Amino acid sequence: VTVSYTKPTGDNVIQDAAGNDAVSFSNQAVTHGTSAADTTPPQLITTGDHRPKVTGNQLTLTYTDASNLDPANTAAASAFAVSSAGNAAISVNSVAISGKTVTLTLSRAVASAETTVTVSYTKPTGGNNVVQDAAGNDAVSFSNQAVTHGTSAADTTPPVLITTGDHRPKVTGNQL
């Protein structure tokens, strides 16, 4: 990209504050300040700390992308399917987008004992109501992606009184 300027005759010229006229120039190189267009679709993170995770009735999906996801034109709850092998059905009640994360609110909490939970996304056809980044690149469909638990197992162990050693019950004066 280049730019040229031909100093016009008359009063409509480029000047500095002191009234000095700018001189003509031609084919001056211009540095391009606009980044290349984002054409890369968001990719689901499937490993590490940001892999699909369920805590209670919230399932989070995190994507990598140059920009954030588009919260205004996201996919409907019906585009997602969550299953737990051998357990009660799980439907998706709602979808929310924040930054690079999609949060699915599920119809029920997923118990920590449910060891095989998966999530699938079927990209809707037509329209803008799909998971996409701010540049309009659509995320691809995926199926039966493993989901890890963020829910700790319930503590079912009752407390036990220590009866031996330095921490056994003691009486000192009127204190037990």
N, C-alpha and C. Protein backbone atom coordinates (compact mmCIF):
# COMPACT_ATOMS: atom_id res chain seq x y z
N VAL A 1 0.86 -1.17 0.00
CA VAL A 1 0.00 0.00 0.00
C VAL A 1 0.90 1.23 0.00
N THR A 2 0.57 2.19 -0.85
CA THR A 2 1.31 3.44 -0.90
C THR A 2 0.33 4.60 -0.86
N VAL A 3 0.87 5.79 -0.56
CA VAL A 3 0.06 7.00 -0.54
C VAL A 3 0.87 8.11 -1.22
N SER A 4 0.15 9.01 -1.89
CA SER A 4 0.77 10.16 -2.55
C SER A 4 -0.01 11.42 -2.17
N TYR A 5 0.66 12.59 -2.19
CA TYR A 5 0.02 13.88 -1.92
C TYR A 5 0.59 14.89 -2.89
N THR A 6 -0.31 15.56 -3.58
CA THR A 6 0.10 16.64 -4.47
C THR A 6 -0.41 17.94 -3.88
N LYS A 7 0.53 18.83 -3.55
CA LYS A 7 0.16 20.10 -2.93
C LYS A 7 -0.71 20.89 -3.91
N PRO A 8 -1.95 21.21 -3.51
CA PRO A 8 -2.83 21.97 -4.41
C PRO A 8 -2.40 23.45 -4.47
N THR A 9 -2.83 24.08 -5.52
CA THR A 9 -2.61 25.53 -5.59
C THR A 9 -3.78 26.20 -4.87
N GLY A 10 -3.56 27.29 -4.22
CA GLY A 10 -4.62 27.98 -3.50
C GLY A 10 -4.43 27.82 -2.00
N ASP A 11 -5.56 27.98 -1.30
CA ASP A 11 -5.51 28.03 0.17
C ASP A 11 -5.75 26.69 0.86
N ASN A 12 -6.30 25.71 0.19
CA ASN A 12 -6.64 24.44 0.83
C ASN A 12 -5.46 23.47 0.78
N VAL A 13 -4.44 23.76 1.57
CA VAL A 13 -3.25 22.92 1.61
C VAL A 13 -3.04 22.41 3.03
N ILE A 14 -2.24 21.36 3.14
CA ILE A 14 -1.88 20.86 4.46
C ILE A 14 -0.75 21.74 4.99
N GLN A 15 -0.96 22.24 6.23
CA GLN A 15 0.03 23.13 6.84
C GLN A 15 0.26 22.72 8.29
N ASP A 16 1.41 23.14 8.78
CA ASP A 16 1.65 22.98 10.21
C ASP A 16 1.08 24.19 10.94
N ALA A 17 1.19 24.23 12.25
CA ALA A 17 0.62 25.31 13.05
C ALA A 17 1.23 26.67 12.72
N ALA A 18 2.46 26.70 12.20
CA ALA A 18 3.12 27.97 11.86
C ALA A 18 2.75 28.45 10.47
N GLY A 19 1.97 27.68 9.71
CA GLY A 19 1.54 28.09 8.38
C GLY A 19 2.44 27.61 7.26
N ASN A 20 3.37 26.73 7.54
CA ASN A 20 4.25 26.18 6.50
C ASN A 20 3.51 25.10 5.72
N ASP A 21 3.56 25.16 4.39
CA ASP A 21 2.88 24.21 3.53
C ASP A 21 3.64 22.88 3.48
N ALA A 22 2.90 21.78 3.53
CA ALA A 22 3.51 20.45 3.33
C ALA A 22 3.88 20.32 1.87
N VAL A 23 4.99 19.63 1.60
CA VAL A 23 5.43 19.44 0.23
C VAL A 23 4.77 18.21 -0.36
N SER A 24 4.71 18.16 -1.66
CA SER A 24 4.16 17.00 -2.37
C SER A 24 5.07 15.79 -2.18
N PHE A 25 4.47 14.61 -2.21
CA PHE A 25 5.24 13.36 -2.19
C PHE A 25 4.45 12.30 -2.95
N SER A 26 5.14 11.24 -3.37
CA SER A 26 4.43 10.20 -4.11
C SER A 26 4.95 8.82 -3.74
N ASN A 27 4.05 7.87 -3.84
CA ASN A 27 4.34 6.45 -3.61
C ASN A 27 5.07 6.18 -2.30
N GLN A 28 4.62 6.82 -1.25
CA GLN A 28 5.20 6.60 0.08
C GLN A 28 4.62 5.29 0.63
N ALA A 29 5.50 4.35 1.05
CA ALA A 29 5.04 3.07 1.60
C ALA A 29 4.26 3.30 2.89
N VAL A 30 3.22 2.51 3.08
CA VAL A 30 2.36 2.61 4.26
C VAL A 30 2.41 1.29 4.99
N THR A 31 2.60 1.35 6.29
CA THR A 31 2.58 0.15 7.12
C THR A 31 1.13 -0.21 7.41
N HIS A 32 0.80 -1.45 7.21
CA HIS A 32 -0.57 -1.91 7.42
C HIS A 32 -0.79 -2.15 8.91
N GLY A 33 -1.74 -1.44 9.51
CA GLY A 33 -2.00 -1.57 10.94
C GLY A 33 -3.15 -2.51 11.27
N THR A 34 -3.79 -3.09 10.29
CA THR A 34 -4.91 -3.99 10.52
C THR A 34 -4.41 -5.43 10.52
N SER A 35 -4.82 -6.17 11.53
CA SER A 35 -4.44 -7.58 11.61
C SER A 35 -5.15 -8.37 10.52
N ALA A 36 -4.56 -9.49 10.19
CA ALA A 36 -5.21 -10.38 9.22
C ALA A 36 -6.54 -10.84 9.80
N ALA A 37 -7.50 -11.07 8.95
CA ALA A 37 -8.82 -11.51 9.39
C ALA A 37 -8.72 -12.87 10.10
N ASP A 38 -9.49 -13.02 11.17
CA ASP A 38 -9.54 -14.29 11.91
C ASP A 38 -10.43 -15.25 11.15
N THR A 39 -9.85 -16.32 10.64
CA THR A 39 -10.61 -17.31 9.89
C THR A 39 -10.53 -18.69 10.55
N THR A 40 -10.00 -18.75 11.76
CA THR A 40 -9.82 -20.02 12.47
C THR A 40 -11.01 -20.25 13.39
N PRO A 41 -11.69 -21.38 13.25
CA PRO A 41 -12.83 -21.65 14.13
C PRO A 41 -12.35 -21.96 15.55
N PRO A 42 -13.17 -21.67 16.56
CA PRO A 42 -12.81 -22.02 17.93
C PRO A 42 -12.70 -23.54 18.07
N GLN A 43 -11.72 -23.99 18.88
CA GLN A 43 -11.48 -25.41 19.09
C GLN A 43 -11.76 -25.77 20.55
N LEU A 44 -12.52 -26.82 20.78
CA LEU A 44 -12.81 -27.29 22.13
C LEU A 44 -11.53 -27.80 22.77
N ILE A 45 -11.25 -27.38 24.00
CA ILE A 45 -10.11 -27.89 24.76
C ILE A 45 -10.54 -29.20 25.40
N THR A 46 -9.81 -30.28 25.12
CA THR A 46 -10.23 -31.60 25.60
C THR A 46 -9.24 -32.21 26.60
N THR A 47 -8.17 -31.50 26.93
CA THR A 47 -7.19 -32.01 27.90
C THR A 47 -6.83 -30.92 28.90
N GLY A 48 -6.18 -31.32 29.98
CA GLY A 48 -5.70 -30.35 30.95
C GLY A 48 -6.79 -29.78 31.83
N ASP A 49 -6.47 -28.66 32.47
CA ASP A 49 -7.37 -28.04 33.44
C ASP A 49 -8.65 -27.47 32.84
N HIS A 50 -8.64 -27.20 31.53
CA HIS A 50 -9.81 -26.58 30.89
C HIS A 50 -10.63 -27.55 30.06
N ARG A 51 -10.41 -28.86 30.24
CA ARG A 51 -11.20 -29.86 29.51
C ARG A 51 -12.65 -29.81 30.01
N PRO A 52 -13.60 -30.41 29.29
CA PRO A 52 -14.99 -30.39 29.74
C PRO A 52 -15.12 -30.91 31.17
N LYS A 53 -15.86 -30.15 31.99
CA LYS A 53 -15.97 -30.48 33.40
C LYS A 53 -17.39 -30.21 33.88
N VAL A 54 -17.89 -31.08 34.75
CA VAL A 54 -19.20 -30.89 35.34
C VAL A 54 -19.06 -30.77 36.86
N THR A 55 -19.74 -29.76 37.41
CA THR A 55 -19.79 -29.56 38.85
C THR A 55 -21.26 -29.33 39.18
N GLY A 56 -21.84 -30.29 39.90
CA GLY A 56 -23.28 -30.20 40.18
C GLY A 56 -24.06 -30.26 38.89
N ASN A 57 -24.83 -29.19 38.59
CA ASN A 57 -25.61 -29.17 37.35
C ASN A 57 -25.03 -28.19 36.32
N GLN A 58 -23.76 -27.83 36.48
CA GLN A 58 -23.09 -26.92 35.55
C GLN A 58 -21.98 -27.65 34.80
N LEU A 59 -22.09 -27.70 33.48
CA LEU A 59 -21.07 -28.34 32.64
C LEU A 59 -20.40 -27.24 31.83
N THR A 60 -19.07 -27.14 31.93
CA THR A 60 -18.35 -26.10 31.22
C THR A 60 -17.52 -26.67 30.08
N LEU A 61 -17.55 -25.96 28.96
CA LEU A 61 -16.76 -26.28 27.77
C LEU A 61 -15.92 -25.04 27.47
N THR A 62 -14.62 -25.20 27.37
CA THR A 62 -13.74 -24.07 27.10
C THR A 62 -13.09 -24.25 25.73
N TYR A 63 -13.03 -23.16 24.98
CA TYR A 63 -12.50 -23.17 23.62
C TYR A 63 -11.22 -22.34 23.53
N THR A 64 -10.35 -22.71 22.59
CA THR A 64 -9.20 -21.87 22.24
C THR A 64 -9.63 -21.05 21.04
N ASP A 65 -9.22 -19.79 21.00
CA ASP A 65 -9.52 -18.94 19.86
C ASP A 65 -8.77 -17.63 20.02
N ALA A 66 -8.60 -16.91 18.92
CA ALA A 66 -7.94 -15.60 18.95
C ALA A 66 -8.83 -14.57 19.65
N SER A 67 -10.13 -14.75 19.59
CA SER A 67 -11.05 -13.82 20.24
C SER A 67 -11.99 -14.61 21.15
N ASN A 68 -12.86 -13.89 21.83
CA ASN A 68 -13.85 -14.55 22.67
C ASN A 68 -14.97 -15.12 21.82
N LEU A 69 -15.78 -15.96 22.44
CA LEU A 69 -16.96 -16.50 21.76
C LEU A 69 -18.04 -15.42 21.71
N ASP A 70 -18.95 -15.54 20.77
CA ASP A 70 -20.03 -14.59 20.59
C ASP A 70 -21.20 -14.97 21.50
N PRO A 71 -21.46 -14.18 22.55
CA PRO A 71 -22.55 -14.54 23.48
C PRO A 71 -23.94 -14.25 22.93
N ALA A 72 -24.04 -13.43 21.90
CA ALA A 72 -25.35 -13.04 21.39
C ALA A 72 -25.95 -14.07 20.44
N ASN A 73 -25.12 -14.81 19.73
CA ASN A 73 -25.63 -15.74 18.71
C ASN A 73 -25.23 -17.17 19.01
N THR A 74 -25.48 -17.63 20.21
CA THR A 74 -25.04 -18.98 20.56
C THR A 74 -26.10 -20.03 20.23
N ALA A 75 -25.68 -21.26 20.27
CA ALA A 75 -26.57 -22.38 19.96
C ALA A 75 -27.60 -22.58 21.07
N ALA A 76 -28.73 -23.12 20.69
CA ALA A 76 -29.79 -23.45 21.65
C ALA A 76 -29.38 -24.67 22.48
N ALA A 77 -30.05 -24.84 23.60
CA ALA A 77 -29.78 -25.98 24.47
C ALA A 77 -29.95 -27.30 23.73
N SER A 78 -30.85 -27.33 22.76
CA SER A 78 -31.11 -28.57 22.02
C SER A 78 -29.94 -29.01 21.13
N ALA A 79 -28.95 -28.14 20.92
CA ALA A 79 -27.77 -28.50 20.12
C ALA A 79 -26.79 -29.36 20.92
N PHE A 80 -27.02 -29.48 22.23
CA PHE A 80 -26.12 -30.23 23.11
C PHE A 80 -26.84 -31.47 23.65
N ALA A 81 -26.07 -32.52 23.84
CA ALA A 81 -26.60 -33.75 24.45
C ALA A 81 -25.60 -34.20 25.51
N VAL A 82 -26.10 -34.48 26.70
CA VAL A 82 -25.27 -34.96 27.81
C VAL A 82 -25.82 -36.31 28.23
N SER A 83 -24.92 -37.26 28.44
CA SER A 83 -25.38 -38.57 28.89
C SER A 83 -24.47 -39.10 29.99
N SER A 84 -25.03 -39.98 30.78
CA SER A 84 -24.32 -40.62 31.88
C SER A 84 -24.71 -42.09 31.83
N ALA A 85 -23.77 -42.93 31.45
CA ALA A 85 -24.04 -44.35 31.23
C ALA A 85 -24.73 -44.99 32.43
N GLY A 86 -25.91 -45.58 32.17
CA GLY A 86 -26.63 -46.31 33.19
C GLY A 86 -27.33 -45.46 34.23
N ASN A 87 -27.41 -44.15 34.02
CA ASN A 87 -28.04 -43.26 35.00
C ASN A 87 -29.20 -42.51 34.36
N ALA A 88 -29.92 -41.77 35.19
CA ALA A 88 -31.08 -41.00 34.72
C ALA A 88 -30.67 -40.03 33.61
N ALA A 89 -31.60 -39.76 32.72
CA ALA A 89 -31.35 -38.86 31.60
C ALA A 89 -30.97 -37.47 32.09
N ILE A 90 -30.17 -36.79 31.29
CA ILE A 90 -29.75 -35.43 31.60
C ILE A 90 -30.05 -34.58 30.37
N SER A 91 -30.88 -33.57 30.55
CA SER A 91 -31.11 -32.65 29.43
C SER A 91 -30.43 -31.32 29.75
N VAL A 92 -30.23 -30.52 28.72
CA VAL A 92 -29.61 -29.21 28.89
C VAL A 92 -30.72 -28.17 28.94
N ASN A 93 -30.78 -27.43 30.05
CA ASN A 93 -31.83 -26.42 30.23
C ASN A 93 -31.47 -25.08 29.59
N SER A 94 -30.18 -24.70 29.67
CA SER A 94 -29.78 -23.40 29.11
C SER A 94 -28.31 -23.40 28.75
N VAL A 95 -27.95 -22.42 27.90
CA VAL A 95 -26.58 -22.24 27.43
C VAL A 95 -26.18 -20.80 27.68
N ALA A 96 -25.01 -20.59 28.29
CA ALA A 96 -24.49 -19.24 28.53
C ALA A 96 -23.05 -19.18 28.04
N ILE A 97 -22.67 -18.03 27.49
CA ILE A 97 -21.32 -17.82 26.98
C ILE A 97 -20.67 -16.70 27.78
N SER A 98 -19.43 -16.92 28.18
CA SER A 98 -18.64 -15.87 28.82
C SER A 98 -17.19 -16.08 28.41
N GLY A 99 -16.63 -15.09 27.73
CA GLY A 99 -15.25 -15.21 27.26
C GLY A 99 -15.12 -16.36 26.28
N LYS A 100 -14.32 -17.35 26.64
CA LYS A 100 -14.10 -18.52 25.78
C LYS A 100 -14.80 -19.76 26.34
N THR A 101 -15.72 -19.56 27.28
CA THR A 101 -16.37 -20.67 27.97
C THR A 101 -17.87 -20.73 27.68
N VAL A 102 -18.34 -21.94 27.38
CA VAL A 102 -19.76 -22.23 27.24
C VAL A 102 -20.17 -22.97 28.51
N THR A 103 -21.19 -22.48 29.21
CA THR A 103 -21.69 -23.15 30.41
C THR A 103 -23.09 -23.68 30.14
N LEU A 104 -23.23 -24.99 30.29
CA LEU A 104 -24.52 -25.64 30.12
C LEU A 104 -25.12 -25.86 31.50
N THR A 105 -26.35 -25.39 31.71
CA THR A 105 -27.06 -25.69 32.94
C THR A 105 -27.89 -26.93 32.66
N LEU A 106 -27.64 -27.98 33.45
CA LEU A 106 -28.27 -29.28 33.22
C LEU A 106 -29.56 -29.42 34.01
N SER A 107 -30.37 -30.37 33.62
CA SER A 107 -31.67 -30.62 34.27
C SER A 107 -31.52 -31.20 35.67
N ARG A 108 -30.36 -31.75 35.95
CA ARG A 108 -30.11 -32.30 37.29
C ARG A 108 -28.62 -32.26 37.58
N ALA A 109 -28.28 -32.36 38.84
CA ALA A 109 -26.88 -32.44 39.24
C ALA A 109 -26.32 -33.80 38.86
N VAL A 110 -25.06 -33.83 38.48
CA VAL A 110 -24.38 -35.08 38.15
C VAL A 110 -23.62 -35.52 39.39
N ALA A 111 -23.96 -36.70 39.89
CA ALA A 111 -23.32 -37.21 41.10
C ALA A 111 -21.89 -37.64 40.81
N SER A 112 -21.03 -37.53 41.81
CA SER A 112 -19.62 -37.91 41.62
C SER A 112 -19.48 -39.39 41.31
N ALA A 113 -20.47 -40.20 41.67
CA ALA A 113 -20.42 -41.64 41.39
C ALA A 113 -20.68 -41.94 39.91
N GLU A 114 -21.19 -40.97 39.16
CA GLU A 114 -21.44 -41.16 37.73
C GLU A 114 -20.10 -41.01 37.00
N THR A 115 -19.51 -42.14 36.66
CA THR A 115 -18.14 -42.12 36.15
C THR A 115 -18.02 -41.95 34.65
N THR A 116 -19.07 -42.21 33.89
CA THR A 116 -18.98 -42.09 32.44
C THR A 116 -19.99 -41.07 31.95
N VAL A 117 -19.57 -39.80 31.97
CA VAL A 117 -20.41 -38.72 31.49
C VAL A 117 -19.79 -38.20 30.19
N THR A 118 -20.63 -37.99 29.18
CA THR A 118 -20.16 -37.45 27.90
C THR A 118 -21.05 -36.30 27.46
N VAL A 119 -20.49 -35.47 26.59
CA VAL A 119 -21.24 -34.35 26.01
C VAL A 119 -21.00 -34.36 24.51
N SER A 120 -22.04 -33.99 23.77
CA SER A 120 -21.97 -33.88 22.32
C SER A 120 -22.56 -32.54 21.91
N TYR A 121 -22.07 -32.01 20.79
CA TYR A 121 -22.59 -30.77 20.22
C TYR A 121 -22.81 -31.00 18.74
N THR A 122 -24.03 -30.74 18.30
CA THR A 122 -24.35 -30.83 16.88
C THR A 122 -24.61 -29.42 16.38
N LYS A 123 -23.71 -28.94 15.54
CA LYS A 123 -23.81 -27.57 15.02
C LYS A 123 -25.11 -27.44 14.23
N PRO A 124 -25.98 -26.50 14.65
CA PRO A 124 -27.23 -26.29 13.92
C PRO A 124 -26.94 -25.80 12.49
N THR A 125 -27.81 -26.18 11.57
CA THR A 125 -27.63 -25.76 10.18
C THR A 125 -28.36 -24.45 9.95
N GLY A 126 -27.73 -23.56 9.19
CA GLY A 126 -28.35 -22.28 8.85
C GLY A 126 -28.40 -21.31 10.01
N GLY A 127 -28.36 -20.07 9.71
CA GLY A 127 -28.48 -19.03 10.73
C GLY A 127 -27.21 -18.82 11.53
N ASN A 128 -27.31 -17.91 12.47
CA ASN A 128 -26.17 -17.55 13.31
C ASN A 128 -26.21 -18.20 14.68
N ASN A 129 -27.24 -18.97 14.99
CA ASN A 129 -27.37 -19.53 16.33
C ASN A 129 -26.55 -20.80 16.47
N VAL A 130 -25.23 -20.60 16.48
CA VAL A 130 -24.25 -21.67 16.64
C VAL A 130 -23.18 -21.18 17.60
N VAL A 131 -22.38 -22.08 18.14
CA VAL A 131 -21.22 -21.65 18.92
C VAL A 131 -20.23 -21.09 17.92
N GLN A 132 -19.87 -19.81 18.10
CA GLN A 132 -18.95 -19.16 17.18
C GLN A 132 -18.14 -18.10 17.91
N ASP A 133 -17.01 -17.72 17.30
CA ASP A 133 -16.21 -16.66 17.90
C ASP A 133 -16.73 -15.30 17.44
N ALA A 134 -16.15 -14.24 17.98
CA ALA A 134 -16.60 -12.89 17.66
C ALA A 134 -16.42 -12.55 16.18
N ALA A 135 -15.50 -13.25 15.49
CA ALA A 135 -15.27 -13.01 14.06
C ALA A 135 -16.27 -13.77 13.19
N GLY A 136 -17.13 -14.60 13.80
CA GLY A 136 -18.14 -15.33 13.06
C GLY A 136 -17.72 -16.71 12.60
N ASN A 137 -16.59 -17.22 13.10
CA ASN A 137 -16.15 -18.58 12.74
C ASN A 137 -16.88 -19.58 13.62
N ASP A 138 -17.53 -20.55 12.99
CA ASP A 138 -18.34 -21.53 13.71
C ASP A 138 -17.48 -22.65 14.29
N ALA A 139 -17.77 -23.03 15.54
CA ALA A 139 -17.15 -24.21 16.14
C ALA A 139 -17.72 -25.45 15.47
N VAL A 140 -16.92 -26.48 15.37
CA VAL A 140 -17.38 -27.72 14.72
C VAL A 140 -18.13 -28.60 15.71
N SER A 141 -18.93 -29.50 15.19
CA SER A 141 -19.64 -30.48 16.00
C SER A 141 -18.64 -31.45 16.63
N PHE A 142 -19.02 -32.03 17.75
CA PHE A 142 -18.23 -33.11 18.37
C PHE A 142 -19.20 -34.06 19.04
N SER A 143 -18.77 -35.29 19.25
CA SER A 143 -19.67 -36.25 19.90
C SER A 143 -18.94 -37.08 20.93
N ASN A 144 -19.69 -37.41 21.96
CA ASN A 144 -19.25 -38.28 23.06
C ASN A 144 -17.90 -37.88 23.64
N GLN A 145 -17.75 -36.57 23.89
CA GLN A 145 -16.54 -36.06 24.53
C GLN A 145 -16.63 -36.35 26.02
N ALA A 146 -15.59 -36.99 26.57
CA ALA A 146 -15.57 -37.31 28.00
C ALA A 146 -15.60 -36.04 28.84
N VAL A 147 -16.31 -36.13 29.95
CA VAL A 147 -16.45 -35.02 30.88
C VAL A 147 -15.88 -35.46 32.23
N THR A 148 -15.05 -34.61 32.84
CA THR A 148 -14.51 -34.92 34.17
C THR A 148 -15.39 -34.29 35.24
N HIS A 149 -15.26 -34.80 36.45
CA HIS A 149 -16.04 -34.29 37.57
C HIS A 149 -15.27 -33.23 38.33
N GLY A 150 -15.94 -32.13 38.61
CA GLY A 150 -15.40 -31.12 39.50
C GLY A 150 -16.05 -31.25 40.86
N THR A 151 -16.99 -32.18 40.97
CA THR A 151 -17.72 -32.41 42.22
C THR A 151 -16.98 -33.45 43.03
N SER A 152 -16.65 -33.11 44.25
CA SER A 152 -15.98 -34.07 45.13
C SER A 152 -16.98 -35.11 45.60
N ALA A 153 -16.47 -36.28 45.88
CA ALA A 153 -17.32 -37.33 46.44
C ALA A 153 -17.81 -36.87 47.81
N ALA A 154 -19.04 -37.23 48.14
CA ALA A 154 -19.60 -36.86 49.44
C ALA A 154 -18.81 -37.53 50.56
N ASP A 155 -18.58 -36.78 51.63
CA ASP A 155 -17.89 -37.30 52.81
C ASP A 155 -18.91 -38.10 53.61
N THR A 156 -18.75 -39.41 53.64
CA THR A 156 -19.69 -40.28 54.36
C THR A 156 -19.03 -40.93 55.58
N THR A 157 -17.82 -40.50 55.94
CA THR A 157 -17.10 -41.07 57.08
C THR A 157 -17.40 -40.28 58.34
N PRO A 158 -17.99 -40.93 59.35
CA PRO A 158 -18.28 -40.20 60.58
C PRO A 158 -17.00 -39.92 61.37
N PRO A 159 -17.00 -38.85 62.16
CA PRO A 159 -15.82 -38.57 62.98
C PRO A 159 -15.64 -39.67 64.04
N VAL A 160 -14.38 -39.95 64.41
CA VAL A 160 -14.06 -40.98 65.40
C VAL A 160 -13.25 -40.34 66.51
N LEU A 161 -13.64 -40.57 67.74
CA LEU A 161 -12.93 -40.05 68.89
C LEU A 161 -11.58 -40.72 69.02
N ILE A 162 -10.53 -39.92 69.21
CA ILE A 162 -9.19 -40.47 69.42
C ILE A 162 -9.10 -40.85 70.90
N THR A 163 -8.77 -42.11 71.17
CA THR A 163 -8.77 -42.61 72.56
C THR A 163 -7.39 -42.99 73.06
N THR A 164 -6.37 -42.81 72.24
CA THR A 164 -5.01 -43.17 72.67
C THR A 164 -4.05 -42.04 72.32
N GLY A 165 -2.86 -42.07 72.91
CA GLY A 165 -1.81 -41.12 72.57
C GLY A 165 -2.04 -39.73 73.16
N ASP A 166 -1.28 -38.75 72.64
CA ASP A 166 -1.31 -37.39 73.18
C ASP A 166 -2.64 -36.67 72.97
N HIS A 167 -3.44 -37.12 72.03
CA HIS A 167 -4.71 -36.44 71.73
C HIS A 167 -5.93 -37.14 72.33
N ARG A 168 -5.72 -38.14 73.22
CA ARG A 168 -6.85 -38.81 73.86
C ARG A 168 -7.52 -37.83 74.83
N PRO A 169 -8.74 -38.10 75.27
CA PRO A 169 -9.43 -37.21 76.21
C PRO A 169 -8.62 -37.04 77.51
N LYS A 170 -8.56 -35.76 78.00
CA LYS A 170 -7.83 -35.44 79.22
C LYS A 170 -8.66 -34.47 80.06
N VAL A 171 -8.45 -34.52 81.36
CA VAL A 171 -9.08 -33.58 82.27
C VAL A 171 -7.99 -32.80 82.95
N THR A 172 -8.13 -31.44 82.90
CA THR A 172 -7.21 -30.55 83.61
C THR A 172 -8.10 -29.58 84.36
N GLY A 173 -8.13 -29.74 85.70
CA GLY A 173 -9.01 -28.91 86.52
C GLY A 173 -10.45 -29.20 86.14
N ASN A 174 -11.18 -28.15 85.74
CA ASN A 174 -12.58 -28.34 85.36
C ASN A 174 -12.75 -28.38 83.83
N GLN A 175 -11.67 -28.54 83.08
CA GLN A 175 -11.70 -28.59 81.60
C GLN A 175 -11.49 -30.00 81.11
N LEU A 176 -12.38 -30.50 80.26
CA LEU A 176 -12.26 -31.82 79.66
C LEU A 176 -11.81 -31.66 78.22
